């Protein structure tokens, strides 16, 4: 390493930078003496004054001191705790600019990792109202100055930020959390203390079904018993008449995971009814469901459009989770088979299929890279494969398996542009990249979801 260059940036140094683009976590990217510098809350096109807080081999991190030249896209964040909370990272940026920069992030990733100069990336599909879109609030509970608080941990710290309301949450979930917090305080039910490992209530989870308006409350506790539980249920039911179920989940472990294994219904129904397009779902406290139903529908419609089904295809839905994408496509395909590693999710998927009277979809527990080639050997070859992997992207073995089985189309649903682009670069050996459609699932944050269509080279439609 060149020590002269290393010495050219040090912690505590102040610098003036021009911000060139937006990073994958919503931070501004500038260059100082040819080194990348990440500046949180700085926007592309701005000239900023910043102080270096960290120096690494390939980059540095700096704190924004002041904006010297402001971007036209800069706005005042409407949330009063925006700076402390860290749940959102782009409230300081006008919404149209957010959509444009998310598209840029996808283009940049495909340029960098898949070496495509002009990747076919469409404009980002946004929301008419990019607020109040989250159907689930999961707030940690704590004590501050003797008062019970509920909210999110500050980014990279263990400080809990009390949230009385949250602009990206559906109003119904905020109301449930606030009311539950109040009642727990009034009844003096002890809050769990991580350090001492004492107390009862760890997390308040509220969920609303956009399609039906039904709501559910789950209290995650560190102990099997809740003191004054009868009074608690009565107060919750009285003050929150829209609740259809109150559930308790017990998590006795010292862990950052929210849920434990044991869930019991304290009152009411174990599930709420949600609708998505023509499909309906019964959601239990721990069942996975997309957090932004309005955009989920748009995303799934893009998957359907990319798949271009005629009714004669066998579709494989890999990393299928609770089967939502597979069930969305089933009416337009000959047969859908979903594969998922988590047995509970497969149970949910089967129940969802049955619940919606969908007979041409089946769901299987296992690894896609094992089941897909096995079926292909038996003569069951997919026409279209849909993949919706976690943030880490596709397993290498699965990429090899796809290149081997050679479905005519691969529809890749991604929540991480970097891993998407790395996977696409591998698949380009036998596939061509036809289209990339970004969808804004989480306005005010730097997340971007994409639907990507890859076609087998030389394949006829």
Protein backbone atom coordinates (compact mmCIF):
# COMPACT_ATOMS: atom_id res chain seq x y z
CA UNK A 1 0.00 0.00 0.00
CA UNK A 2 1.19 3.52 -0.81
CA UNK A 3 1.83 5.12 2.59
CA UNK A 4 1.86 8.63 1.18
CA UNK A 5 -1.66 8.14 -0.08
CA UNK A 6 -2.70 6.49 3.19
CA UNK A 7 -1.40 9.49 5.11
CA UNK A 8 -3.38 11.87 2.90
CA UNK A 9 -6.65 11.29 4.78
CA UNK A 10 -6.91 11.02 8.56
CA UNK A 11 -9.69 10.82 11.14
CA UNK A 12 -10.77 14.30 12.28
CA UNK A 13 -9.68 15.91 9.02
CA UNK A 14 -12.19 18.36 7.52
CA UNK A 15 -12.73 18.54 3.77
CA UNK A 16 -14.93 20.07 1.11
CA UNK A 17 -16.35 17.53 -1.36
CA UNK A 18 -18.59 17.41 -4.40
CA UNK A 19 -21.09 14.56 -4.09
CA UNK A 20 -21.23 12.51 -7.30
CA UNK A 21 -23.84 9.84 -6.58
CA UNK A 22 -25.87 8.00 -3.97
CA UNK A 23 -24.60 4.82 -2.30
CA UNK A 24 -26.54 1.64 -1.69
CA UNK A 25 -27.38 2.76 1.89
CA UNK A 26 -28.52 6.21 0.84
CA UNK A 27 -25.26 7.99 1.67
CA UNK A 28 -23.63 10.54 -0.62
CA UNK A 29 -20.47 9.46 -2.47
CA UNK A 30 -17.65 11.90 -3.13
CA UNK A 31 -13.91 11.62 -3.87
CA UNK A 32 -10.96 13.14 -2.01
CA UNK A 33 -7.46 12.53 -3.44
CA UNK A 34 -9.00 9.70 -5.49
CA UNK A 35 -10.36 7.94 -2.43
CA UNK A 36 -14.09 7.26 -2.08
CA UNK A 37 -15.69 9.15 0.81
CA UNK A 38 -19.17 8.25 2.08
CA UNK A 39 -21.10 11.15 3.61
CA UNK A 40 -24.41 10.38 5.29
CA UNK A 41 -27.33 12.73 4.43
CA UNK A 42 -25.44 14.36 1.51
CA UNK A 43 -27.12 14.43 -1.91
CA UNK A 44 -25.77 14.05 -5.48
CA UNK A 45 -24.71 17.39 -6.96
CA UNK A 46 -24.10 19.02 -3.58
CA UNK A 47 -20.86 20.57 -2.39
CA UNK A 48 -20.50 19.72 1.30
CA UNK A 49 -18.13 20.34 4.17
CA UNK A 50 -17.50 17.12 6.14
CA UNK A 51 -15.32 15.65 8.89
CA UNK A 52 -13.65 12.24 8.51
CA UNK A 53 -14.79 9.70 11.14
CA UNK A 54 -13.28 6.50 9.71
CA UNK A 55 -10.49 5.65 7.27
CA UNK A 56 -10.36 2.21 5.60
CA UNK A 57 -8.08 0.88 2.88
CA UNK A 58 -10.53 1.48 0.04
CA UNK A 59 -12.76 4.26 1.40
CA UNK A 60 -13.37 6.80 4.15
CA UNK A 61 -16.53 7.77 6.05
CA UNK A 62 -17.27 11.39 6.95
CA UNK A 63 -19.88 13.27 8.95
CA UNK A 64 -21.78 16.07 7.22
CA UNK A 65 -20.96 19.41 8.87
CA UNK A 66 -22.73 21.72 6.45
CA UNK A 67 -24.04 21.91 2.92
CA UNK A 68 -22.13 24.56 0.96
CA UNK A 69 -24.13 24.21 -2.27
CA UNK A 70 -27.58 22.70 -1.92
CA UNK A 71 -29.26 20.24 -4.29
CA UNK A 72 -32.67 21.24 -5.72
CA UNK A 73 -33.84 17.82 -4.49
CA UNK A 74 -33.15 18.60 -0.81
CA UNK A 75 -36.29 18.80 1.33
CA UNK A 76 -37.05 19.17 5.03
CA UNK A 77 -37.76 15.73 6.57
CA UNK A 78 -41.32 15.76 7.98
CA UNK A 79 -40.42 13.36 10.80
CA UNK A 80 -39.33 15.04 14.07
CA UNK A 81 -36.93 12.20 15.06
CA UNK A 82 -35.55 11.60 11.56
CA UNK A 83 -31.95 12.38 12.56
CA UNK A 84 -31.92 10.01 15.57
CA UNK A 85 -34.11 7.15 14.38
CA UNK A 86 -32.33 5.66 11.38
CA UNK A 87 -35.41 3.74 10.22
CA UNK A 88 -35.51 5.94 7.09
CA UNK A 89 -32.47 7.28 5.27
CA UNK A 90 -33.85 9.47 2.46
CA UNK A 91 -36.51 11.76 3.96
CA UNK A 92 -34.20 14.70 3.19
CA UNK A 93 -34.61 13.99 -0.54
CA UNK A 94 -37.59 14.93 -2.71
CA UNK A 95 -39.59 11.81 -3.74
CA UNK A 96 -39.11 12.10 -7.53
CA UNK A 97 -35.35 12.39 -6.93
CA UNK A 98 -35.50 9.28 -4.69
CA UNK A 99 -37.06 7.32 -7.55
CA UNK A 100 -34.46 8.56 -10.04
CA UNK A 101 -31.55 7.79 -7.73
CA UNK A 102 -32.84 4.26 -7.06
CA UNK A 103 -32.80 3.64 -10.80
CA UNK A 104 -29.24 5.02 -10.91
CA UNK A 105 -28.16 2.63 -8.13
CA UNK A 106 -29.45 -0.33 -10.19
CA UNK A 107 -27.77 0.93 -13.39
CA UNK A 108 -24.45 1.48 -11.56
CA UNK A 109 -24.52 -2.02 -10.04
CA UNK A 110 -25.11 -3.64 -13.45
CA UNK A 111 -22.31 -1.54 -14.96
CA UNK A 112 -19.89 -2.42 -12.20
CA UNK A 113 -20.57 -6.15 -11.67
CA UNK A 114 -22.18 -7.33 -14.94
CA UNK A 115 -20.04 -5.01 -17.13
CA UNK A 116 -23.07 -3.80 -19.09
CA UNK A 117 -22.60 -0.29 -20.46
CA UNK A 118 -26.28 0.41 -21.14
CA UNK A 119 -28.37 -1.97 -19.02
CA UNK A 120 -32.12 -1.91 -19.94
CA UNK A 121 -33.34 -0.34 -16.68
CA UNK A 122 -36.81 1.25 -16.74
CA UNK A 123 -37.97 4.22 -14.62
CA UNK A 124 -38.68 3.25 -10.99
CA UNK A 125 -42.36 2.54 -10.23
CA UNK A 126 -43.24 4.74 -7.23
CA UNK A 127 -46.25 5.45 -5.03
CA UNK A 128 -48.85 8.23 -5.32
CA UNK A 129 -48.55 8.68 -1.56
CA UNK A 130 -45.11 7.54 -0.36
CA UNK A 131 -46.13 7.64 3.34
CA UNK A 132 -48.13 5.45 5.78
CA UNK A 133 -47.42 2.35 3.69
CA UNK A 134 -46.06 -0.16 6.22
CA UNK A 135 -48.59 -2.72 7.47
CA UNK A 136 -46.54 -3.87 10.45
CA UNK A 137 -44.89 -2.02 13.34
CA UNK A 138 -42.35 -3.92 15.41
CA UNK A 139 -41.27 -1.67 18.27
CA UNK A 140 -38.86 -2.57 21.07
CA UNK A 141 -39.96 -1.61 24.56
CA UNK A 142 -37.74 0.08 27.14
CA UNK A 143 -37.59 2.54 30.03
CA UNK A 144 -36.44 6.15 29.84
CA UNK A 145 -36.49 8.41 32.90
CA UNK A 146 -38.86 5.94 34.56
CA UNK A 147 -41.29 6.18 31.62
CA UNK A 148 -42.22 3.27 29.33
CA UNK A 149 -41.12 3.92 25.74
CA UNK A 150 -41.42 1.96 22.47
CA UNK A 151 -39.55 2.49 19.24
CA UNK A 152 -36.49 1.57 17.19
CA UNK A 153 -32.81 1.41 18.04
CA UNK A 154 -30.69 4.26 16.73
CA UNK A 155 -28.52 3.10 13.81
CA UNK A 156 -25.41 1.29 15.03
CA UNK A 157 -26.20 1.87 18.71
CA UNK A 158 -28.20 0.47 21.56
CA UNK A 159 -30.11 3.65 22.23
CA UNK A 160 -33.86 3.25 21.88
CA UNK A 161 -35.62 6.15 20.10
CA UNK A 162 -39.18 6.64 21.38
CA UNK A 163 -41.61 6.89 18.46
CA UNK A 164 -45.00 8.41 19.25
CA UNK A 165 -45.90 8.20 15.61
CA UNK A 166 -44.11 7.10 12.46
CA UNK A 167 -44.74 8.67 9.07
CA UNK A 168 -44.11 5.48 7.08
CA UNK A 169 -46.36 3.29 9.28
CA UNK A 170 -50.08 2.82 8.61
CA UNK A 171 -51.93 4.97 11.19
CA UNK A 172 -53.71 1.91 12.62
CA UNK A 173 -50.44 0.24 13.66
CA UNK A 174 -49.17 3.44 15.32
CA UNK A 175 -52.41 3.76 17.28
CA UNK A 176 -52.17 0.15 18.52
CA UNK A 177 -48.56 0.56 19.66
CA UNK A 178 -49.25 3.86 21.46
CA UNK A 179 -52.36 2.53 23.22
CA UNK A 180 -50.64 -0.72 24.24
CA UNK A 181 -47.68 1.29 25.57
CA UNK A 182 -50.02 3.46 27.64
CA UNK A 183 -51.94 0.49 29.10
CA UNK A 184 -48.75 -1.44 29.96
CA UNK A 185 -47.51 1.67 31.78
CA UNK A 186 -50.78 2.21 33.66
CA UNK A 187 -50.93 -1.42 34.81
CA UNK A 188 -47.25 -1.33 35.80
CA UNK A 189 -46.40 -4.44 33.77
CA UNK A 190 -42.57 -4.64 33.86
CA UNK A 191 -40.51 -4.02 30.76
CA UNK A 192 -37.73 -6.47 29.90
CA UNK A 193 -34.25 -5.24 30.79
CA UNK A 194 -31.62 -6.75 28.52
CA UNK A 195 -28.65 -6.16 30.79
CA UNK A 196 -30.26 -7.48 33.98
CA UNK A 197 -32.41 -10.00 32.09
CA UNK A 198 -35.43 -9.11 34.23
CA UNK A 199 -38.95 -7.96 33.36
CA UNK A 200 -41.60 -9.21 30.96
CA UNK A 201 -42.47 -7.19 27.82
CA UNK A 202 -39.81 -7.10 25.08
CA UNK A 203 -41.55 -6.03 21.86
CA UNK A 204 -44.93 -4.73 20.71
CA UNK A 205 -45.90 -5.92 17.21
CA UNK A 206 -48.96 -4.46 15.49
CA UNK A 207 -50.20 -5.53 12.07
CA UNK A 208 -53.04 -4.22 9.90
CA UNK A 209 -54.59 -5.89 6.85
CA UNK A 210 -54.92 -3.23 4.12
CA UNK A 211 -57.58 -5.26 2.30
CA UNK A 212 -59.99 -5.74 5.23
CA UNK A 213 -58.90 -3.29 7.93
CA UNK A 214 -58.51 -6.11 10.48
CA UNK A 215 -55.74 -5.60 13.04
CA UNK A 216 -53.75 -7.85 15.36
CA UNK A 217 -51.50 -7.19 18.32
CA UNK A 218 -48.67 -9.45 19.44
CA UNK A 219 -46.78 -8.98 22.69
CA UNK A 220 -43.37 -10.62 22.72
CA UNK A 221 -42.46 -11.49 26.31
CA UNK A 222 -39.37 -12.81 28.10
CA UNK A 223 -41.53 -14.92 30.47
CA UNK A 224 -44.44 -17.31 29.86
CA UNK A 225 -46.68 -15.39 32.31
CA UNK A 226 -47.85 -11.80 32.00
CA UNK A 227 -48.87 -10.19 35.32
CA UNK A 228 -52.43 -8.74 35.39
CA UNK A 229 -53.06 -10.37 32.00
CA UNK A 230 -56.90 -10.34 32.35
CA UNK A 231 -56.98 -6.59 33.03
CA UNK A 232 -54.52 -6.04 30.18
CA UNK A 233 -56.72 -7.90 27.66
CA UNK A 234 -59.85 -6.10 28.85
CA UNK A 235 -58.22 -2.65 28.53
CA UNK A 236 -56.80 -3.45 25.07
CA UNK A 237 -60.18 -4.70 23.81
CA UNK A 238 -62.00 -1.68 25.23
CA UNK A 239 -59.65 0.96 23.84
CA UNK A 240 -58.83 -0.81 20.56
CA UNK A 241 -62.18 -2.19 19.30
CA UNK A 242 -60.70 -2.77 15.80
CA UNK A 243 -58.46 -5.60 17.12
CA UNK A 244 -59.54 -9.09 16.04
CA UNK A 245 -56.83 -10.93 17.96
CA UNK A 246 -54.29 -10.51 20.76
CA UNK A 247 -51.37 -12.93 20.75
CA UNK A 248 -48.41 -13.62 23.02
CA UNK A 249 -45.07 -14.87 21.74
CA UNK A 250 -42.52 -16.07 24.29
CA UNK A 251 -38.84 -15.38 23.63
CA UNK A 252 -36.68 -16.26 26.66
CA UNK A 253 -33.36 -16.17 24.75
CA UNK A 254 -30.66 -13.49 24.85
CA UNK A 255 -30.90 -12.76 21.13
CA UNK A 256 -31.47 -9.98 18.60
CA UNK A 257 -34.24 -12.06 16.98
CA UNK A 258 -37.66 -10.67 17.80
CA UNK A 259 -39.72 -13.86 17.97
CA UNK A 260 -39.36 -17.02 20.03
CA UNK A 261 -40.85 -20.40 19.08
CA UNK A 262 -43.98 -20.44 21.23
CA UNK A 263 -47.05 -18.39 20.25
CA UNK A 264 -50.40 -18.48 22.10
CA UNK A 265 -53.64 -16.62 21.48
CA UNK A 266 -54.65 -14.53 24.51
CA UNK A 267 -57.95 -13.44 22.99
CA UNK A 268 -59.79 -13.50 19.66
CA UNK A 269 -58.68 -15.00 16.35
CA UNK A 270 -55.20 -16.39 15.69
CA UNK A 271 -55.12 -14.77 12.21
CA UNK A 272 -56.19 -11.64 10.34
CA UNK A 273 -57.61 -11.74 6.80
CA UNK A 274 -55.62 -9.88 4.14
CA UNK A 275 -56.37 -9.48 0.43
CA UNK A 276 -53.94 -8.93 -2.42
CA UNK A 277 -55.60 -8.62 -5.82
CA UNK A 278 -57.90 -11.67 -6.12
CA UNK A 279 -56.00 -13.62 -3.48
CA UNK A 280 -56.82 -13.76 0.21
CA UNK A 281 -54.53 -14.76 3.06
CA UNK A 282 -55.00 -15.66 6.71
CA UNK A 283 -52.00 -14.20 8.52
CA UNK A 284 -50.92 -15.55 11.90
CA UNK A 285 -48.71 -13.45 14.19
CA UNK A 286 -45.46 -14.83 12.73
CA UNK A 287 -46.56 -15.43 9.12
CA UNK A 288 -44.44 -13.52 6.61
CA UNK A 289 -46.22 -11.01 4.40
CA UNK A 290 -44.79 -8.16 2.33
CA UNK A 291 -44.68 -4.91 4.33
CA UNK A 292 -46.05 -2.65 1.58
CA UNK A 293 -49.18 -4.27 0.07
CA UNK A 294 -49.87 -1.49 -2.45
CA UNK A 295 -46.41 -1.83 -4.05
CA UNK A 296 -46.37 -5.63 -3.69
CA UNK A 297 -49.30 -5.80 -6.10
CA UNK A 298 -47.36 -3.66 -8.62
CA UNK A 299 -44.23 -5.80 -8.14
CA UNK A 300 -46.12 -9.07 -8.70
CA UNK A 301 -47.82 -7.62 -11.78
CA UNK A 302 -44.34 -6.86 -13.15
CA UNK A 303 -43.33 -10.48 -12.44
CA UNK A 304 -46.43 -11.63 -14.32
CA UNK A 305 -45.64 -9.31 -17.23
CA UNK A 306 -42.02 -10.51 -17.41
CA UNK A 307 -43.07 -14.18 -17.26
CA UNK A 308 -45.44 -13.60 -20.23
CA UNK A 309 -47.48 -16.71 -19.48
CA UNK A 310 -49.90 -18.25 -22.02
CA UNK A 311 -51.38 -20.99 -19.82
CA UNK A 312 -49.22 -23.82 -21.11
CA UNK A 313 -46.11 -23.28 -18.94
CA UNK A 314 -44.61 -25.10 -15.99
CA UNK A 315 -43.38 -22.38 -13.62
CA UNK A 316 -40.93 -23.01 -10.78
CA UNK A 317 -41.07 -20.50 -7.92
CA UNK A 318 -37.74 -20.75 -6.05
CA UNK A 319 -37.24 -19.28 -2.56
CA UNK A 320 -41.04 -19.21 -2.67
CA UNK A 321 -41.62 -18.35 1.00
CA UNK A 322 -45.34 -18.48 1.75
CA UNK A 323 -46.13 -18.89 -1.96
CA UNK A 324 -47.48 -15.44 -2.81
CA UNK A 325 -45.70 -15.03 -6.18
CA UNK A 326 -46.48 -18.62 -7.26
CA UNK A 327 -50.15 -18.18 -6.40
CA UNK A 328 -50.23 -14.83 -8.24
CA UNK A 329 -48.98 -16.60 -11.40
CA UNK A 330 -50.93 -19.88 -11.04
CA UNK A 331 -54.13 -18.74 -12.85
CA UNK A 332 -52.02 -17.95 -15.94
CA UNK A 333 -49.83 -21.11 -15.96
CA UNK A 334 -50.38 -24.82 -16.53
CA UNK A 335 -48.64 -25.70 -13.28
CA UNK A 336 -46.65 -23.93 -10.56
CA UNK A 337 -44.19 -25.64 -8.22
CA UNK A 338 -42.69 -23.73 -5.32
CA UNK A 339 -39.52 -24.70 -3.47
CA UNK A 340 -38.57 -23.35 -0.05
CA UNK A 341 -36.19 -24.42 2.73
CA UNK A 342 -38.34 -23.35 5.70
CA UNK A 343 -41.00 -26.01 6.44
CA UNK A 344 -43.38 -23.56 8.23
CA UNK A 345 -43.41 -21.30 5.16
CA UNK A 346 -44.25 -24.28 2.92
CA UNK A 347 -47.13 -25.19 5.29
CA UNK A 348 -48.38 -21.60 4.96
CA UNK A 349 -48.03 -21.73 1.15
CA UNK A 350 -50.06 -24.96 0.94
CA UNK A 351 -52.72 -23.49 3.19
CA UNK A 352 -52.79 -20.30 1.07
CA UNK A 353 -53.25 -22.37 -2.11
CA UNK A 354 -56.10 -24.33 -0.56
CA UNK A 355 -57.69 -21.20 0.92
CA UNK A 356 -57.78 -19.63 -2.58
CA UNK A 357 -58.96 -22.81 -4.35
CA UNK A 358 -55.79 -22.98 -6.47
CA UNK A 359 -55.31 -26.60 -7.53
CA UNK A 360 -52.42 -26.26 -10.01
CA UNK A 361 -49.81 -25.10 -7.47
CA UNK A 362 -47.79 -27.38 -5.20
CA UNK A 363 -45.12 -26.49 -2.65
CA UNK A 364 -42.06 -28.51 -1.68
CA UNK A 365 -39.55 -28.32 1.19
CA UNK A 366 -35.98 -28.53 -0.06
CA UNK A 367 -33.09 -26.94 -1.90
CA UNK A 368 -33.84 -25.65 -5.40
CA UNK A 369 -30.40 -26.66 -6.69
CA UNK A 370 -31.22 -30.29 -5.77
CA UNK A 371 -34.93 -30.57 -6.65
CA UNK A 372 -34.83 -28.73 -10.00
CA UNK A 373 -32.18 -30.99 -11.65
CA UNK A 374 -33.84 -34.07 -10.15
CA UNK A 375 -37.19 -33.13 -11.73
CA UNK A 376 -35.45 -32.25 -15.02
CA UNK A 377 -33.96 -35.79 -15.11
CA UNK A 378 -37.52 -37.13 -14.69
CA UNK A 379 -38.54 -35.08 -17.74
CA UNK A 380 -40.17 -32.25 -15.76
CA UNK A 381 -38.44 -29.20 -17.26
CA UNK A 382 -39.57 -25.70 -16.30
CA UNK A 383 -40.42 -23.14 -19.00
CA UNK A 384 -40.14 -20.22 -16.58
CA UNK A 385 -38.20 -20.05 -13.32
CA UNK A 386 -38.94 -17.27 -10.84
CA UNK A 387 -36.33 -16.59 -8.15
CA UNK A 388 -36.83 -14.27 -5.17
CA UNK A 389 -33.70 -14.82 -3.06
CA UNK A 390 -32.66 -13.12 0.21
CA UNK A 391 -30.27 -10.12 0.17
CA UNK A 392 -27.27 -12.44 -0.32
CA UNK A 393 -28.55 -13.39 -3.80
CA UNK A 394 -28.54 -16.79 -5.50
CA UNK A 395 -26.56 -19.74 -4.22
CA UNK A 396 -23.63 -20.59 -6.58
CA UNK A 397 -24.90 -24.16 -6.87
CA UNK A 398 -28.30 -22.82 -7.96
CA UNK A 399 -26.73 -20.63 -10.66
CA UNK A 400 -24.90 -23.71 -12.01
CA UNK A 401 -28.14 -25.66 -11.86
CA UNK A 402 -30.04 -22.96 -13.82
CA UNK A 403 -27.32 -22.88 -16.51
CA UNK A 404 -27.63 -26.65 -16.67
CA UNK A 405 -31.45 -27.01 -16.73
CA UNK A 406 -31.78 -23.98 -19.08
CA UNK A 407 -35.36 -22.73 -18.60
CA UNK A 408 -36.43 -20.43 -21.48
CA UNK A 409 -36.98 -17.54 -19.09
CA UNK A 410 -35.69 -16.58 -15.67
CA UNK A 411 -37.58 -13.88 -13.78
CA UNK A 412 -35.36 -12.62 -10.97
CA UNK A 413 -36.96 -10.62 -8.13
CA UNK A 414 -34.23 -8.83 -6.21
CA UNK A 415 -34.02 -6.67 -3.09
CA UNK A 416 -30.28 -6.01 -3.45
CA UNK A 417 -28.87 -4.45 -6.66
CA UNK A 418 -25.26 -5.57 -5.94
CA UNK A 419 -25.98 -9.28 -5.54
CA UNK A 420 -28.47 -9.07 -8.42
CA UNK A 421 -25.79 -7.68 -10.75
CA UNK A 422 -23.21 -10.28 -9.65
CA UNK A 423 -25.72 -13.10 -10.32
CA UNK A 424 -26.75 -11.60 -13.68
CA UNK A 425 -23.08 -11.49 -14.76
CA UNK A 426 -22.90 -15.29 -14.22
CA UNK A 427 -26.20 -15.96 -15.99
CA UNK A 428 -25.11 -13.91 -19.03
CA UNK A 429 -23.07 -16.97 -20.10
CA UNK A 430 -26.28 -18.43 -21.53
CA UNK A 431 -28.93 -15.73 -21.04
CA UNK A 432 -29.51 -12.23 -22.29
CA UNK A 433 -30.76 -9.47 -20.03
CA UNK A 434 -34.06 -8.27 -21.55
CA UNK A 435 -35.49 -5.86 -18.97
CA UNK A 436 -35.00 -4.50 -15.46
CA UNK A 437 -37.93 -2.86 -13.66
CA UNK A 438 -37.18 -1.15 -10.32
CA UNK A 439 -40.12 -0.88 -7.90
CA UNK A 440 -40.03 1.37 -4.84
CA UNK A 441 -41.20 -0.90 -2.01
CA UNK A 442 -39.81 1.26 0.79
CA UNK A 443 -40.15 4.99 0.06
CA UNK A 444 -37.95 7.29 2.21
CA UNK A 445 -35.33 4.52 2.51
CA UNK A 446 -32.52 3.51 0.16
CA UNK A 447 -33.96 0.03 -0.54
CA UNK A 448 -34.90 -0.79 -4.11
CA UNK A 449 -36.60 -3.92 -5.40
CA UNK A 450 -36.33 -5.05 -9.05
CA UNK A 451 -38.00 -7.47 -11.43
CA UNK A 452 -35.56 -8.71 -14.05
CA UNK A 453 -36.24 -10.77 -17.18
CA UNK A 454 -33.51 -13.01 -18.60
CA UNK A 455 -34.08 -15.04 -21.80
CA UNK A 456 -32.15 -18.11 -22.87
CA UNK A 457 -30.05 -17.25 -25.92
CA UNK A 458 -31.44 -18.86 -29.04
CA UNK A 459 -34.69 -19.93 -27.35
CA UNK A 460 -37.94 -19.42 -29.26
CA UNK A 461 -40.90 -18.06 -27.38
